[in-house]
Amino acid sequence: MSVVTQIKKVTAKAIADLYAIHIDENNILVNATKPEFVGDYTVVLFAFVKQLKQSPDVLGQALGTHLVTSNPTLFTAHNVIKGFLNLSITDAYWRNFTN
């Protein structure tokens, strides 16, 4: 399973855990983080703001904290910048992925 697919899957689960709302993982947009920002992959939050009734920053902080706490073998850290949740992938994940 690709890292992007895993991120989508755990993000959908985190939204369900935090907000009791089902989001299809295919509707979660994940991109490589731009080089000028810290992180490896970025979850775009704007699609969920209205449905979850949260500001992008509040949603990003809650979701990022939950993702890092619930998936310590996948994520090391997160940061939120204007509606974008940047996630850092663990070195151990990358080592296992390449082996």
PDB file of N, CA and C in Angstrom:
ATOM      1  N   MET A   1       0.849  -1.173   0.000  1.00  0.00           N
ATOM      2  CA  MET A   1       0.000   0.000   0.000  1.00  0.00           C
ATOM      3  C   MET A   1       0.897   1.240   0.000  1.00  0.00           C
ATOM      4  N   SER A   2       0.569   2.203  -0.840  1.00  0.00           N
ATOM      5  CA  SER A   2       1.388   3.412  -0.923  1.00  0.00           C
ATOM      6  C   SER A   2       1.201   4.284   0.317  1.00  0.00           C
ATOM      7  N   VAL A   3       2.156   5.150   0.554  1.00  0.00           N
ATOM      8  CA  VAL A   3       2.085   6.037   1.713  1.00  0.00           C
ATOM      9  C   VAL A   3       0.885   6.976   1.590  1.00  0.00           C
ATOM     10  N   VAL A   4       0.587   7.441   0.385  1.00  0.00           N
ATOM     11  CA  VAL A   4      -0.561   8.331   0.188  1.00  0.00           C
ATOM     12  C   VAL A   4      -1.860   7.607   0.528  1.00  0.00           C
ATOM     13  N   THR A   5      -1.982   6.358   0.108  1.00  0.00           N
ATOM     14  CA  THR A   5      -3.169   5.563   0.426  1.00  0.00           C
ATOM     15  C   THR A   5      -3.295   5.378   1.932  1.00  0.00           C
ATOM     16  N   GLN A   6      -2.180   5.110   2.603  1.00  0.00           N
ATOM     17  CA  GLN A   6      -2.206   4.964   4.064  1.00  0.00           C
ATOM     18  C   GLN A   6      -2.627   6.263   4.744  1.00  0.00           C
ATOM     19  N   ILE A   7      -2.105   7.379   4.274  1.00  0.00           N
ATOM     20  CA  ILE A   7      -2.467   8.672   4.862  1.00  0.00           C
ATOM     21  C   ILE A   7      -3.962   8.931   4.691  1.00  0.00           C
ATOM     22  N   LYS A   8      -4.485   8.660   3.511  1.00  0.00           N
ATOM     23  CA  LYS A   8      -5.922   8.845   3.278  1.00  0.00           C
ATOM     24  C   LYS A   8      -6.745   7.963   4.212  1.00  0.00           C
ATOM     25  N   LYS A   9      -6.336   6.720   4.354  1.00  0.00           N
ATOM     26  CA  LYS A   9      -7.065   5.762   5.193  1.00  0.00           C
ATOM     27  C   LYS A   9      -7.070   6.203   6.665  1.00  0.00           C
ATOM     28  N   VAL A  10      -5.907   6.559   7.201  1.00  0.00           N
ATOM     29  CA  VAL A  10      -5.850   6.948   8.619  1.00  0.00           C
ATOM     30  C   VAL A  10      -6.495   8.317   8.850  1.00  0.00           C
ATOM     31  N   THR A  11      -6.476   9.184   7.843  1.00  0.00           N
ATOM     32  CA  THR A  11      -7.146  10.480   7.968  1.00  0.00           C
ATOM     33  C   THR A  11      -8.659  10.295   8.020  1.00  0.00           C
ATOM     34  N   ALA A  12      -9.196   9.446   7.165  1.00  0.00           N
ATOM     35  CA  ALA A  12     -10.637   9.162   7.195  1.00  0.00           C
ATOM     36  C   ALA A  12     -11.038   8.574   8.543  1.00  0.00           C
ATOM     37  N   LYS A  13     -10.217   7.677   9.069  1.00  0.00           N
ATOM     38  CA  LYS A  13     -10.504   7.077  10.379  1.00  0.00           C
ATOM     39  C   LYS A  13     -10.431   8.129  11.483  1.00  0.00           C
ATOM     40  N   ALA A  14      -9.451   9.016  11.414  1.00  0.00           N
ATOM     41  CA  ALA A  14      -9.311  10.065  12.428  1.00  0.00           C
ATOM     42  C   ALA A  14     -10.515  11.005  12.416  1.00  0.00           C
ATOM     43  N   ILE A  15     -10.996  11.362  11.234  1.00  0.00           N
ATOM     44  CA  ILE A  15     -12.180  12.221  11.144  1.00  0.00           C
ATOM     45  C   ILE A  15     -13.385  11.507  11.750  1.00  0.00           C
ATOM     46  N   ALA A  16     -13.526  10.220  11.461  1.00  0.00           N
ATOM     47  CA  ALA A  16     -14.626   9.436  12.047  1.00  0.00           C
ATOM     48  C   ALA A  16     -14.494   9.379  13.569  1.00  0.00           C
ATOM     49  N   ASP A  17     -13.278   9.174  14.065  1.00  0.00           N
ATOM     50  CA  ASP A  17     -13.045   9.107  15.515  1.00  0.00           C
ATOM     51  C   ASP A  17     -13.353  10.438  16.204  1.00  0.00           C
ATOM     52  N   LEU A  18     -12.890  11.529  15.603  1.00  0.00           N
ATOM     53  CA  LEU A  18     -13.021  12.844  16.235  1.00  0.00           C
ATOM     54  C   LEU A  18     -14.405  13.471  16.071  1.00  0.00           C
ATOM     55  N   TYR A  19     -15.023  13.259  14.899  1.00  0.00           N
ATOM     56  CA  TYR A  19     -16.248  13.988  14.576  1.00  0.00           C
ATOM     57  C   TYR A  19     -17.452  13.094  14.284  1.00  0.00           C
ATOM     58  N   ALA A  20     -17.267  11.775  14.339  1.00  0.00           N
ATOM     59  CA  ALA A  20     -18.347  10.814  14.071  1.00  0.00           C
ATOM     60  C   ALA A  20     -19.003  11.061  12.713  1.00  0.00           C
ATOM     61  N   ILE A  21     -18.174  11.403  11.730  1.00  0.00           N
ATOM     62  CA  ILE A  21     -18.645  11.634  10.364  1.00  0.00           C
ATOM     63  C   ILE A  21     -17.801  10.779   9.427  1.00  0.00           C
ATOM     64  N   HIS A  22     -18.480  10.095   8.497  1.00  0.00           N
ATOM     65  CA  HIS A  22     -17.762   9.271   7.524  1.00  0.00           C
ATOM     66  C   HIS A  22     -17.345  10.136   6.342  1.00  0.00           C
ATOM     67  N   ILE A  23     -16.069  10.107   6.034  1.00  0.00           N
ATOM     68  CA  ILE A  23     -15.518  10.755   4.844  1.00  0.00           C
ATOM     69  C   ILE A  23     -14.885   9.648   4.011  1.00  0.00           C
ATOM     70  N   ASP A  24     -15.271   9.552   2.760  1.00  0.00           N
ATOM     71  CA  ASP A  24     -14.672   8.559   1.871  1.00  0.00           C
ATOM     72  C   ASP A  24     -13.207   8.932   1.654  1.00  0.00           C
ATOM     73  N   GLU A  25     -12.326   7.976   1.855  1.00  0.00           N
ATOM     74  CA  GLU A  25     -10.892   8.274   1.719  1.00  0.00           C
ATOM     75  C   GLU A  25     -10.532   8.759   0.325  1.00  0.00           C
ATOM     76  N   ASN A  26     -11.332   8.417  -0.681  1.00  0.00           N
ATOM     77  CA  ASN A  26     -11.077   8.894  -2.043  1.00  0.00           C
ATOM     78  C   ASN A  26     -11.330  10.394  -2.180  1.00  0.00           C
ATOM     79  N   ASN A  27     -12.028  10.987  -1.217  1.00  0.00           N
ATOM     80  CA  ASN A  27     -12.298  12.424  -1.232  1.00  0.00           C
ATOM     81  C   ASN A  27     -11.266  13.224  -0.442  1.00  0.00           C
ATOM     82  N   ILE A  28     -10.249  12.560   0.059  1.00  0.00           N
ATOM     83  CA  ILE A  28      -9.192  13.230   0.819  1.00  0.00           C
ATOM     84  C   ILE A  28      -8.024  13.497  -0.128  1.00  0.00           C
ATOM     85  N   LEU A  29      -7.668  14.767  -0.244  1.00  0.00           N
ATOM     86  CA  LEU A  29      -6.585  15.165  -1.142  1.00  0.00           C
ATOM     87  C   LEU A  29      -5.273  15.222  -0.366  1.00  0.00           C
ATOM     88  N   VAL A  30      -4.299  14.430  -0.817  1.00  0.00           N
ATOM     89  CA  VAL A  30      -2.970  14.377  -0.198  1.00  0.00           C
ATOM     90  C   VAL A  30      -1.938  14.674  -1.280  1.00  0.00           C
ATOM     91  N   ASN A  31      -1.069  15.634  -1.003  1.00  0.00           N
ATOM     92  CA  ASN A  31       0.002  16.013  -1.929  1.00  0.00           C
ATOM     93  C   ASN A  31       1.344  15.945  -1.216  1.00  0.00           C
ATOM     94  N   ALA A  32       2.405  15.908  -1.990  1.00  0.00           N
ATOM     95  CA  ALA A  32       3.738  16.075  -1.410  1.00  0.00           C
ATOM     96  C   ALA A  32       3.822  17.502  -0.868  1.00  0.00           C
ATOM     97  N   THR A  33       4.412  17.664   0.305  1.00  0.00           N
ATOM     98  CA  THR A  33       4.552  18.993   0.906  1.00  0.00           C
ATOM     99  C   THR A  33       5.523  19.822   0.074  1.00  0.00           C
ATOM    100  N   LYS A  34       5.176  21.090  -0.130  1.00  0.00           N
ATOM    101  CA  LYS A  34       6.056  21.990  -0.880  1.00  0.00           C
ATOM    102  C   LYS A  34       7.385  22.122  -0.145  1.00  0.00           C
ATOM    103  N   PRO A  35       8.483  22.250  -0.886  1.00  0.00           N
ATOM    104  CA  PRO A  35       9.818  22.266  -0.265  1.00  0.00           C
ATOM    105  C   PRO A  35      10.038  23.383   0.758  1.00  0.00           C
ATOM    106  N   GLU A  36       9.311  24.477   0.634  1.00  0.00           N
ATOM    107  CA  GLU A  36       9.521  25.581   1.575  1.00  0.00           C
ATOM    108  C   GLU A  36       8.846  25.360   2.932  1.00  0.00           C
ATOM    109  N   PHE A  37       8.100  24.261   3.080  1.00  0.00           N
ATOM    110  CA  PHE A  37       7.428  23.949   4.340  1.00  0.00           C
ATOM    111  C   PHE A  37       7.990  22.674   4.946  1.00  0.00           C
ATOM    112  N   VAL A  38       7.829  22.537   6.262  1.00  0.00           N
ATOM    113  CA  VAL A  38       8.275  21.343   6.977  1.00  0.00           C
ATOM    114  C   VAL A  38       7.221  20.258   6.790  1.00  0.00           C
ATOM    115  N   GLY A  39       7.669  19.055   6.457  1.00  0.00           N
ATOM    116  CA  GLY A  39       6.766  17.919   6.306  1.00  0.00           C
ATOM    117  C   GLY A  39       7.051  17.159   5.026  1.00  0.00           C
ATOM    118  N   ASP A  40       6.442  15.991   4.928  1.00  0.00           N
ATOM    119  CA  ASP A  40       6.607  15.148   3.746  1.00  0.00           C
ATOM    120  C   ASP A  40       5.358  15.131   2.868  1.00  0.00           C
ATOM    121  N   TYR A  41       4.196  15.069   3.517  1.00  0.00           N
ATOM    122  CA  TYR A  41       2.922  15.035   2.797  1.00  0.00           C
ATOM    123  C   TYR A  41       1.951  16.011   3.433  1.00  0.00           C
ATOM    124  N   THR A  42       1.050  16.546   2.602  1.00  0.00           N
ATOM    125  CA  THR A  42       0.095  17.550   3.036  1.00  0.00           C
ATOM    126  C   THR A  42      -1.328  17.076   2.766  1.00  0.00           C
ATOM    127  N   VAL A  43      -2.168  17.165   3.790  1.00  0.00           N
ATOM    128  CA  VAL A  43      -3.598  16.899   3.645  1.00  0.00           C
ATOM    129  C   VAL A  43      -4.282  18.259   3.489  1.00  0.00           C
ATOM    130  N   VAL A  44      -5.038  18.418   2.403  1.00  0.00           N
ATOM    131  CA  VAL A  44      -5.766  19.660   2.150  1.00  0.00           C
ATOM    132  C   VAL A  44      -7.087  19.598   2.920  1.00  0.00           C
ATOM    133  N   LEU A  45      -7.309  20.557   3.814  1.00  0.00           N
ATOM    134  CA  LEU A  45      -8.430  20.501   4.751  1.00  0.00           C
ATOM    135  C   LEU A  45      -9.691  21.225   4.294  1.00  0.00           C
ATOM    136  N   PHE A  46      -9.596  22.092   3.304  1.00  0.00           N
ATOM    137  CA  PHE A  46     -10.712  22.962   2.948  1.00  0.00           C
ATOM    138  C   PHE A  46     -11.998  22.211   2.603  1.00  0.00           C
ATOM    139  N   ALA A  47     -11.897  21.029   2.044  1.00  0.00           N
ATOM    140  CA  ALA A  47     -13.083  20.268   1.645  1.00  0.00           C
ATOM    141  C   ALA A  47     -13.934  19.841   2.838  1.00  0.00           C
ATOM    142  N   PHE A  48     -13.374  19.827   4.039  1.00  0.00           N
ATOM    143  CA  PHE A  48     -14.078  19.308   5.216  1.00  0.00           C
ATOM    144  C   PHE A  48     -14.513  20.381   6.201  1.00  0.00           C
ATOM    145  N   VAL A  49     -14.066  21.604   6.007  1.00  0.00           N
ATOM    146  CA  VAL A  49     -14.296  22.681   6.971  1.00  0.00           C
ATOM    147  C   VAL A  49     -15.789  22.910   7.204  1.00  0.00           C
ATOM    148  N   LYS A  50     -16.550  23.041   6.144  1.00  0.00           N
ATOM    149  CA  LYS A  50     -17.982  23.327   6.275  1.00  0.00           C
ATOM    150  C   LYS A  50     -18.718  22.149   6.916  1.00  0.00           C
ATOM    151  N   GLN A  51     -18.454  20.947   6.427  1.00  0.00           N
ATOM    152  CA  GLN A  51     -19.139  19.759   6.943  1.00  0.00           C
ATOM    153  C   GLN A  51     -18.830  19.515   8.419  1.00  0.00           C
ATOM    154  N   LEU A  52     -17.583  19.759   8.820  1.00  0.00           N
ATOM    155  CA  LEU A  52     -17.176  19.502  10.200  1.00  0.00           C
ATOM    156  C   LEU A  52     -17.367  20.711  11.113  1.00  0.00           C
ATOM    157  N   LYS A  53     -17.730  21.850  10.520  1.00  0.00           N
ATOM    158  CA  LYS A  53     -18.004  23.082  11.275  1.00  0.00           C
ATOM    159  C   LYS A  53     -16.826  23.490  12.149  1.00  0.00           C
ATOM    160  N   GLN A  54     -15.649  23.461  11.540  1.00  0.00           N
ATOM    161  CA  GLN A  54     -14.411  23.849  12.224  1.00  0.00           C
ATOM    162  C   GLN A  54     -13.634  24.793  11.311  1.00  0.00           C
ATOM    163  N   SER A  55     -12.880  25.698  11.898  1.00  0.00           N
ATOM    164  CA  SER A  55     -11.979  26.512  11.086  1.00  0.00           C
ATOM    165  C   SER A  55     -10.846  25.606  10.606  1.00  0.00           C
ATOM    166  N   PRO A  56     -10.198  25.945   9.502  1.00  0.00           N
ATOM    167  CA  PRO A  56      -9.103  25.104   9.008  1.00  0.00           C
ATOM    168  C   PRO A  56      -7.993  24.894  10.037  1.00  0.00           C
ATOM    169  N   ASP A  57      -7.663  25.937  10.803  1.00  0.00           N
ATOM    170  CA  ASP A  57      -6.589  25.804  11.791  1.00  0.00           C
ATOM    171  C   ASP A  57      -6.981  24.894  12.949  1.00  0.00           C
ATOM    172  N   VAL A  58      -8.204  25.042  13.446  1.00  0.00           N
ATOM    173  CA  VAL A  58      -8.675  24.196  14.549  1.00  0.00           C
ATOM    174  C   VAL A  58      -8.767  22.746  14.082  1.00  0.00           C
ATOM    175  N   LEU A  59      -9.348  22.540  12.911  1.00  0.00           N
ATOM    176  CA  LEU A  59      -9.455  21.193  12.346  1.00  0.00           C
ATOM    177  C   LEU A  59      -8.072  20.583  12.154  1.00  0.00           C
ATOM    178  N   GLY A  60      -7.152  21.348  11.592  1.00  0.00           N
ATOM    179  CA  GLY A  60      -5.802  20.847  11.342  1.00  0.00           C
ATOM    180  C   GLY A  60      -5.072  20.453  12.608  1.00  0.00           C
ATOM    181  N   GLN A  61      -5.188  21.275  13.650  1.00  0.00           N
ATOM    182  CA  GLN A  61      -4.522  20.950  14.917  1.00  0.00           C
ATOM    183  C   GLN A  61      -5.105  19.685  15.538  1.00  0.00           C
ATOM    184  N   ALA A  62      -6.431  19.591  15.563  1.00  0.00           N
ATOM    185  CA  ALA A  62      -7.070  18.410  16.157  1.00  0.00           C
ATOM    186  C   ALA A  62      -6.741  17.151  15.365  1.00  0.00           C
ATOM    187  N   LEU A  63      -6.854  17.244  14.062  1.00  0.00           N
ATOM    188  CA  LEU A  63      -6.590  16.093  13.202  1.00  0.00           C
ATOM    189  C   LEU A  63      -5.117  15.701  13.252  1.00  0.00           C
ATOM    190  N   GLY A  64      -4.225  16.682  13.183  1.00  0.00           N
ATOM    191  CA  GLY A  64      -2.795  16.401  13.230  1.00  0.00           C
ATOM    192  C   GLY A  64      -2.369  15.742  14.528  1.00  0.00           C
ATOM    193  N   THR A  65      -2.858  16.259  15.637  1.00  0.00           N
ATOM    194  CA  THR A  65      -2.535  15.670  16.937  1.00  0.00           C
ATOM    195  C   THR A  65      -3.036  14.235  17.015  1.00  0.00           C
ATOM    196  N   HIS A  66      -4.259  14.014  16.563  1.00  0.00           N
ATOM    197  CA  HIS A  66      -4.830  12.659  16.591  1.00  0.00           C
ATOM    198  C   HIS A  66      -4.037  11.708  15.686  1.00  0.00           C
ATOM    199  N   LEU A  67      -3.682  12.170  14.495  1.00  0.00           N
ATOM    200  CA  LEU A  67      -2.933  11.313  13.564  1.00  0.00           C
ATOM    201  C   LEU A  67      -1.573  10.920  14.125  1.00  0.00           C
ATOM    202  N   VAL A  68      -0.840  11.880  14.661  1.00  0.00           N
ATOM    203  CA  VAL A  68       0.497  11.594  15.195  1.00  0.00           C
ATOM    204  C   VAL A  68       0.406  10.682  16.417  1.00  0.00           C
ATOM    205  N   THR A  69      -0.558  10.940  17.285  1.00  0.00           N
ATOM    206  CA  THR A  69      -0.724  10.132  18.497  1.00  0.00           C
ATOM    207  C   THR A  69      -1.178   8.709  18.172  1.00  0.00           C
ATOM    208  N   SER A  70      -2.090   8.578  17.228  1.00  0.00           N
ATOM    209  CA  SER A  70      -2.667   7.268  16.897  1.00  0.00           C
ATOM    210  C   SER A  70      -1.815   6.442  15.943  1.00  0.00           C
ATOM    211  N   ASN A  71      -0.872   7.086  15.267  1.00  0.00           N
ATOM    212  CA  ASN A  71      -0.066   6.396  14.251  1.00  0.00           C
ATOM    213  C   ASN A  71       1.417   6.714  14.418  1.00  0.00           C
ATOM    214  N   PRO A  72       2.000   6.376  15.573  1.00  0.00           N
ATOM    215  CA  PRO A  72       3.392   6.763  15.838  1.00  0.00           C
ATOM    216  C   PRO A  72       4.414   6.070  14.936  1.00  0.00           C
ATOM    217  N   THR A  73       4.048   4.968  14.307  1.00  0.00           N
ATOM    218  CA  THR A  73       4.986   4.318  13.386  1.00  0.00           C
ATOM    219  C   THR A  73       4.940   4.949  11.998  1.00  0.00           C
ATOM    220  N   LEU A  74       3.939   5.794  11.751  1.00  0.00           N
ATOM    221  CA  LEU A  74       3.808   6.451  10.449  1.00  0.00           C
ATOM    222  C   LEU A  74       4.206   7.925  10.507  1.00  0.00           C
ATOM    223  N   PHE A  75       3.770   8.637  11.559  1.00  0.00           N
ATOM    224  CA  PHE A  75       4.002  10.084  11.640  1.00  0.00           C
ATOM    225  C   PHE A  75       4.864  10.458  12.842  1.00  0.00           C
ATOM    226  N   THR A  76       5.747  11.443  12.628  1.00  0.00           N
ATOM    227  CA  THR A  76       6.548  11.967  13.738  1.00  0.00           C
ATOM    228  C   THR A  76       6.052  13.320  14.217  1.00  0.00           C
ATOM    229  N   ALA A  77       5.476  14.110  13.313  1.00  0.00           N
ATOM    230  CA  ALA A  77       5.068  15.467  13.669  1.00  0.00           C
ATOM    231  C   ALA A  77       4.069  15.993  12.646  1.00  0.00           C
ATOM    232  N   HIS A  78       3.455  17.108  13.017  1.00  0.00           N
ATOM    233  CA  HIS A  78       2.545  17.790  12.096  1.00  0.00           C
ATOM    234  C   HIS A  78       2.652  19.292  12.314  1.00  0.00           C
ATOM    235  N   ASN A  79       2.227  20.041  11.317  1.00  0.00           N
ATOM    236  CA  ASN A  79       2.052  21.477  11.462  1.00  0.00           C
ATOM    237  C   ASN A  79       0.947  21.907  10.510  1.00  0.00           C
ATOM    238  N   VAL A  80       0.296  23.001  10.852  1.00  0.00           N
ATOM    239  CA  VAL A  80      -0.830  23.490  10.065  1.00  0.00           C
ATOM    240  C   VAL A  80      -0.494  24.883   9.569  1.00  0.00           C
ATOM    241  N   ILE A  81      -0.660  25.074   8.270  1.00  0.00           N
ATOM    242  CA  ILE A  81      -0.431  26.382   7.673  1.00  0.00           C
ATOM    243  C   ILE A  81      -1.609  26.697   6.756  1.00  0.00           C
ATOM    244  N   LYS A  82      -2.453  27.615   7.202  1.00  0.00           N
ATOM    245  CA  LYS A  82      -3.564  28.149   6.405  1.00  0.00           C
ATOM    246  C   LYS A  82      -4.395  27.076   5.702  1.00  0.00           C
ATOM    247  N   GLY A  83      -4.859  26.095   6.456  1.00  0.00           N
ATOM    248  CA  GLY A  83      -5.743  25.084   5.895  1.00  0.00           C
ATOM    249  C   GLY A  83      -5.059  23.875   5.296  1.00  0.00           C
ATOM    250  N   PHE A  84      -3.760  23.795   5.469  1.00  0.00           N
ATOM    251  CA  PHE A  84      -2.996  22.651   4.978  1.00  0.00           C
ATOM    252  C   PHE A  84      -2.334  21.958   6.166  1.00  0.00           C
ATOM    253  N   LEU A  85      -2.575  20.668   6.305  1.00  0.00           N
ATOM    254  CA  LEU A  85      -1.996  19.869   7.386  1.00  0.00           C
ATOM    255  C   LEU A  85      -0.770  19.144   6.845  1.00  0.00           C
ATOM    256  N   ASN A  86       0.403  19.583   7.269  1.00  0.00           N
ATOM    257  CA  ASN A  86       1.660  18.977   6.832  1.00  0.00           C
ATOM    258  C   ASN A  86       2.071  17.899   7.824  1.00  0.00           C
ATOM    259  N   LEU A  87       2.368  16.723   7.295  1.00  0.00           N
ATOM    260  CA  LEU A  87       2.720  15.571   8.124  1.00  0.00           C
ATOM    261  C   LEU A  87       4.137  15.109   7.812  1.00  0.00           C
ATOM    262  N   SER A  88       4.891  14.797   8.849  1.00  0.00           N
ATOM    263  CA  SER A  88       6.244  14.257   8.689  1.00  0.00           C
ATOM    264  C   SER A  88       6.198  12.752   8.919  1.00  0.00           C
ATOM    265  N   ILE A  89       6.776  12.005   7.984  1.00  0.00           N
ATOM    266  CA  ILE A  89       6.782  10.543   8.029  1.00  0.00           C
ATOM    267  C   ILE A  89       8.012  10.078   8.810  1.00  0.00           C
ATOM    268  N   THR A  90       7.858   9.000   9.590  1.00  0.00           N
ATOM    269  CA  THR A  90       8.972   8.490  10.399  1.00  0.00           C
ATOM    270  C   THR A  90      10.068   7.895   9.518  1.00  0.00           C
ATOM    271  N   ASP A  91      11.297   7.975  10.011  1.00  0.00           N
ATOM    272  CA  ASP A  91      12.421   7.340   9.315  1.00  0.00           C
ATOM    273  C   ASP A  91      12.222   5.832   9.243  1.00  0.00           C
ATOM    274  N   ALA A  92      11.677   5.249  10.305  1.00  0.00           N
ATOM    275  CA  ALA A  92      11.445   3.797  10.335  1.00  0.00           C
ATOM    276  C   ALA A  92      10.482   3.379   9.231  1.00  0.00           C
ATOM    277  N   TYR A  93       9.462   4.186   8.974  1.00  0.00           N
ATOM    278  CA  TYR A  93       8.526   3.863   7.889  1.00  0.00           C
ATOM    279  C   TYR A  93       9.272   3.835   6.556  1.00  0.00           C
ATOM    280  N   TRP A  94      10.100   4.857   6.313  1.00  0.00           N
ATOM    281  CA  TRP A  94      10.830   4.919   5.044  1.00  0.00           C
ATOM    282  C   TRP A  94      11.789   3.736   4.904  1.00  0.00           C
ATOM    283  N   ARG A  95      12.447   3.345   6.001  1.00  0.00           N
ATOM    284  CA  ARG A  95      13.351   2.191   5.940  1.00  0.00           C
ATOM    285  C   ARG A  95      12.585   0.920   5.587  1.00  0.00           C
ATOM    286  N   ASN A  96      11.453   0.704   6.239  1.00  0.00           N
ATOM    287  CA  ASN A  96      10.638  -0.482   5.952  1.00  0.00           C
ATOM    288  C   ASN A  96      10.068  -0.439   4.542  1.00  0.00           C
ATOM    289  N   PHE A  97       9.718   0.740   4.082  1.00  0.00           N
ATOM    290  CA  PHE A  97       9.138   0.910   2.754  1.00  0.00           C
ATOM    291  C   PHE A  97      10.140   0.542   1.663  1.00  0.00           C
ATOM    292  N   THR A  98      11.408   0.895   1.880  1.00  0.00           N
ATOM    293  CA  THR A  98      12.426   0.623   0.862  1.00  0.00           C
ATOM    294  C   THR A  98      12.954  -0.802   0.916  1.00  0.00           C
ATOM    295  N   ASN A  99      12.712  -1.509   2.019  1.00  0.00           N
ATOM    296  CA  ASN A  99      13.191  -2.897   2.138  1.00  0.00           C
ATOM    297  C   ASN A  99      12.213  -3.890   1.575  1.00  0.00           C
TER     298      ASN A  99
END
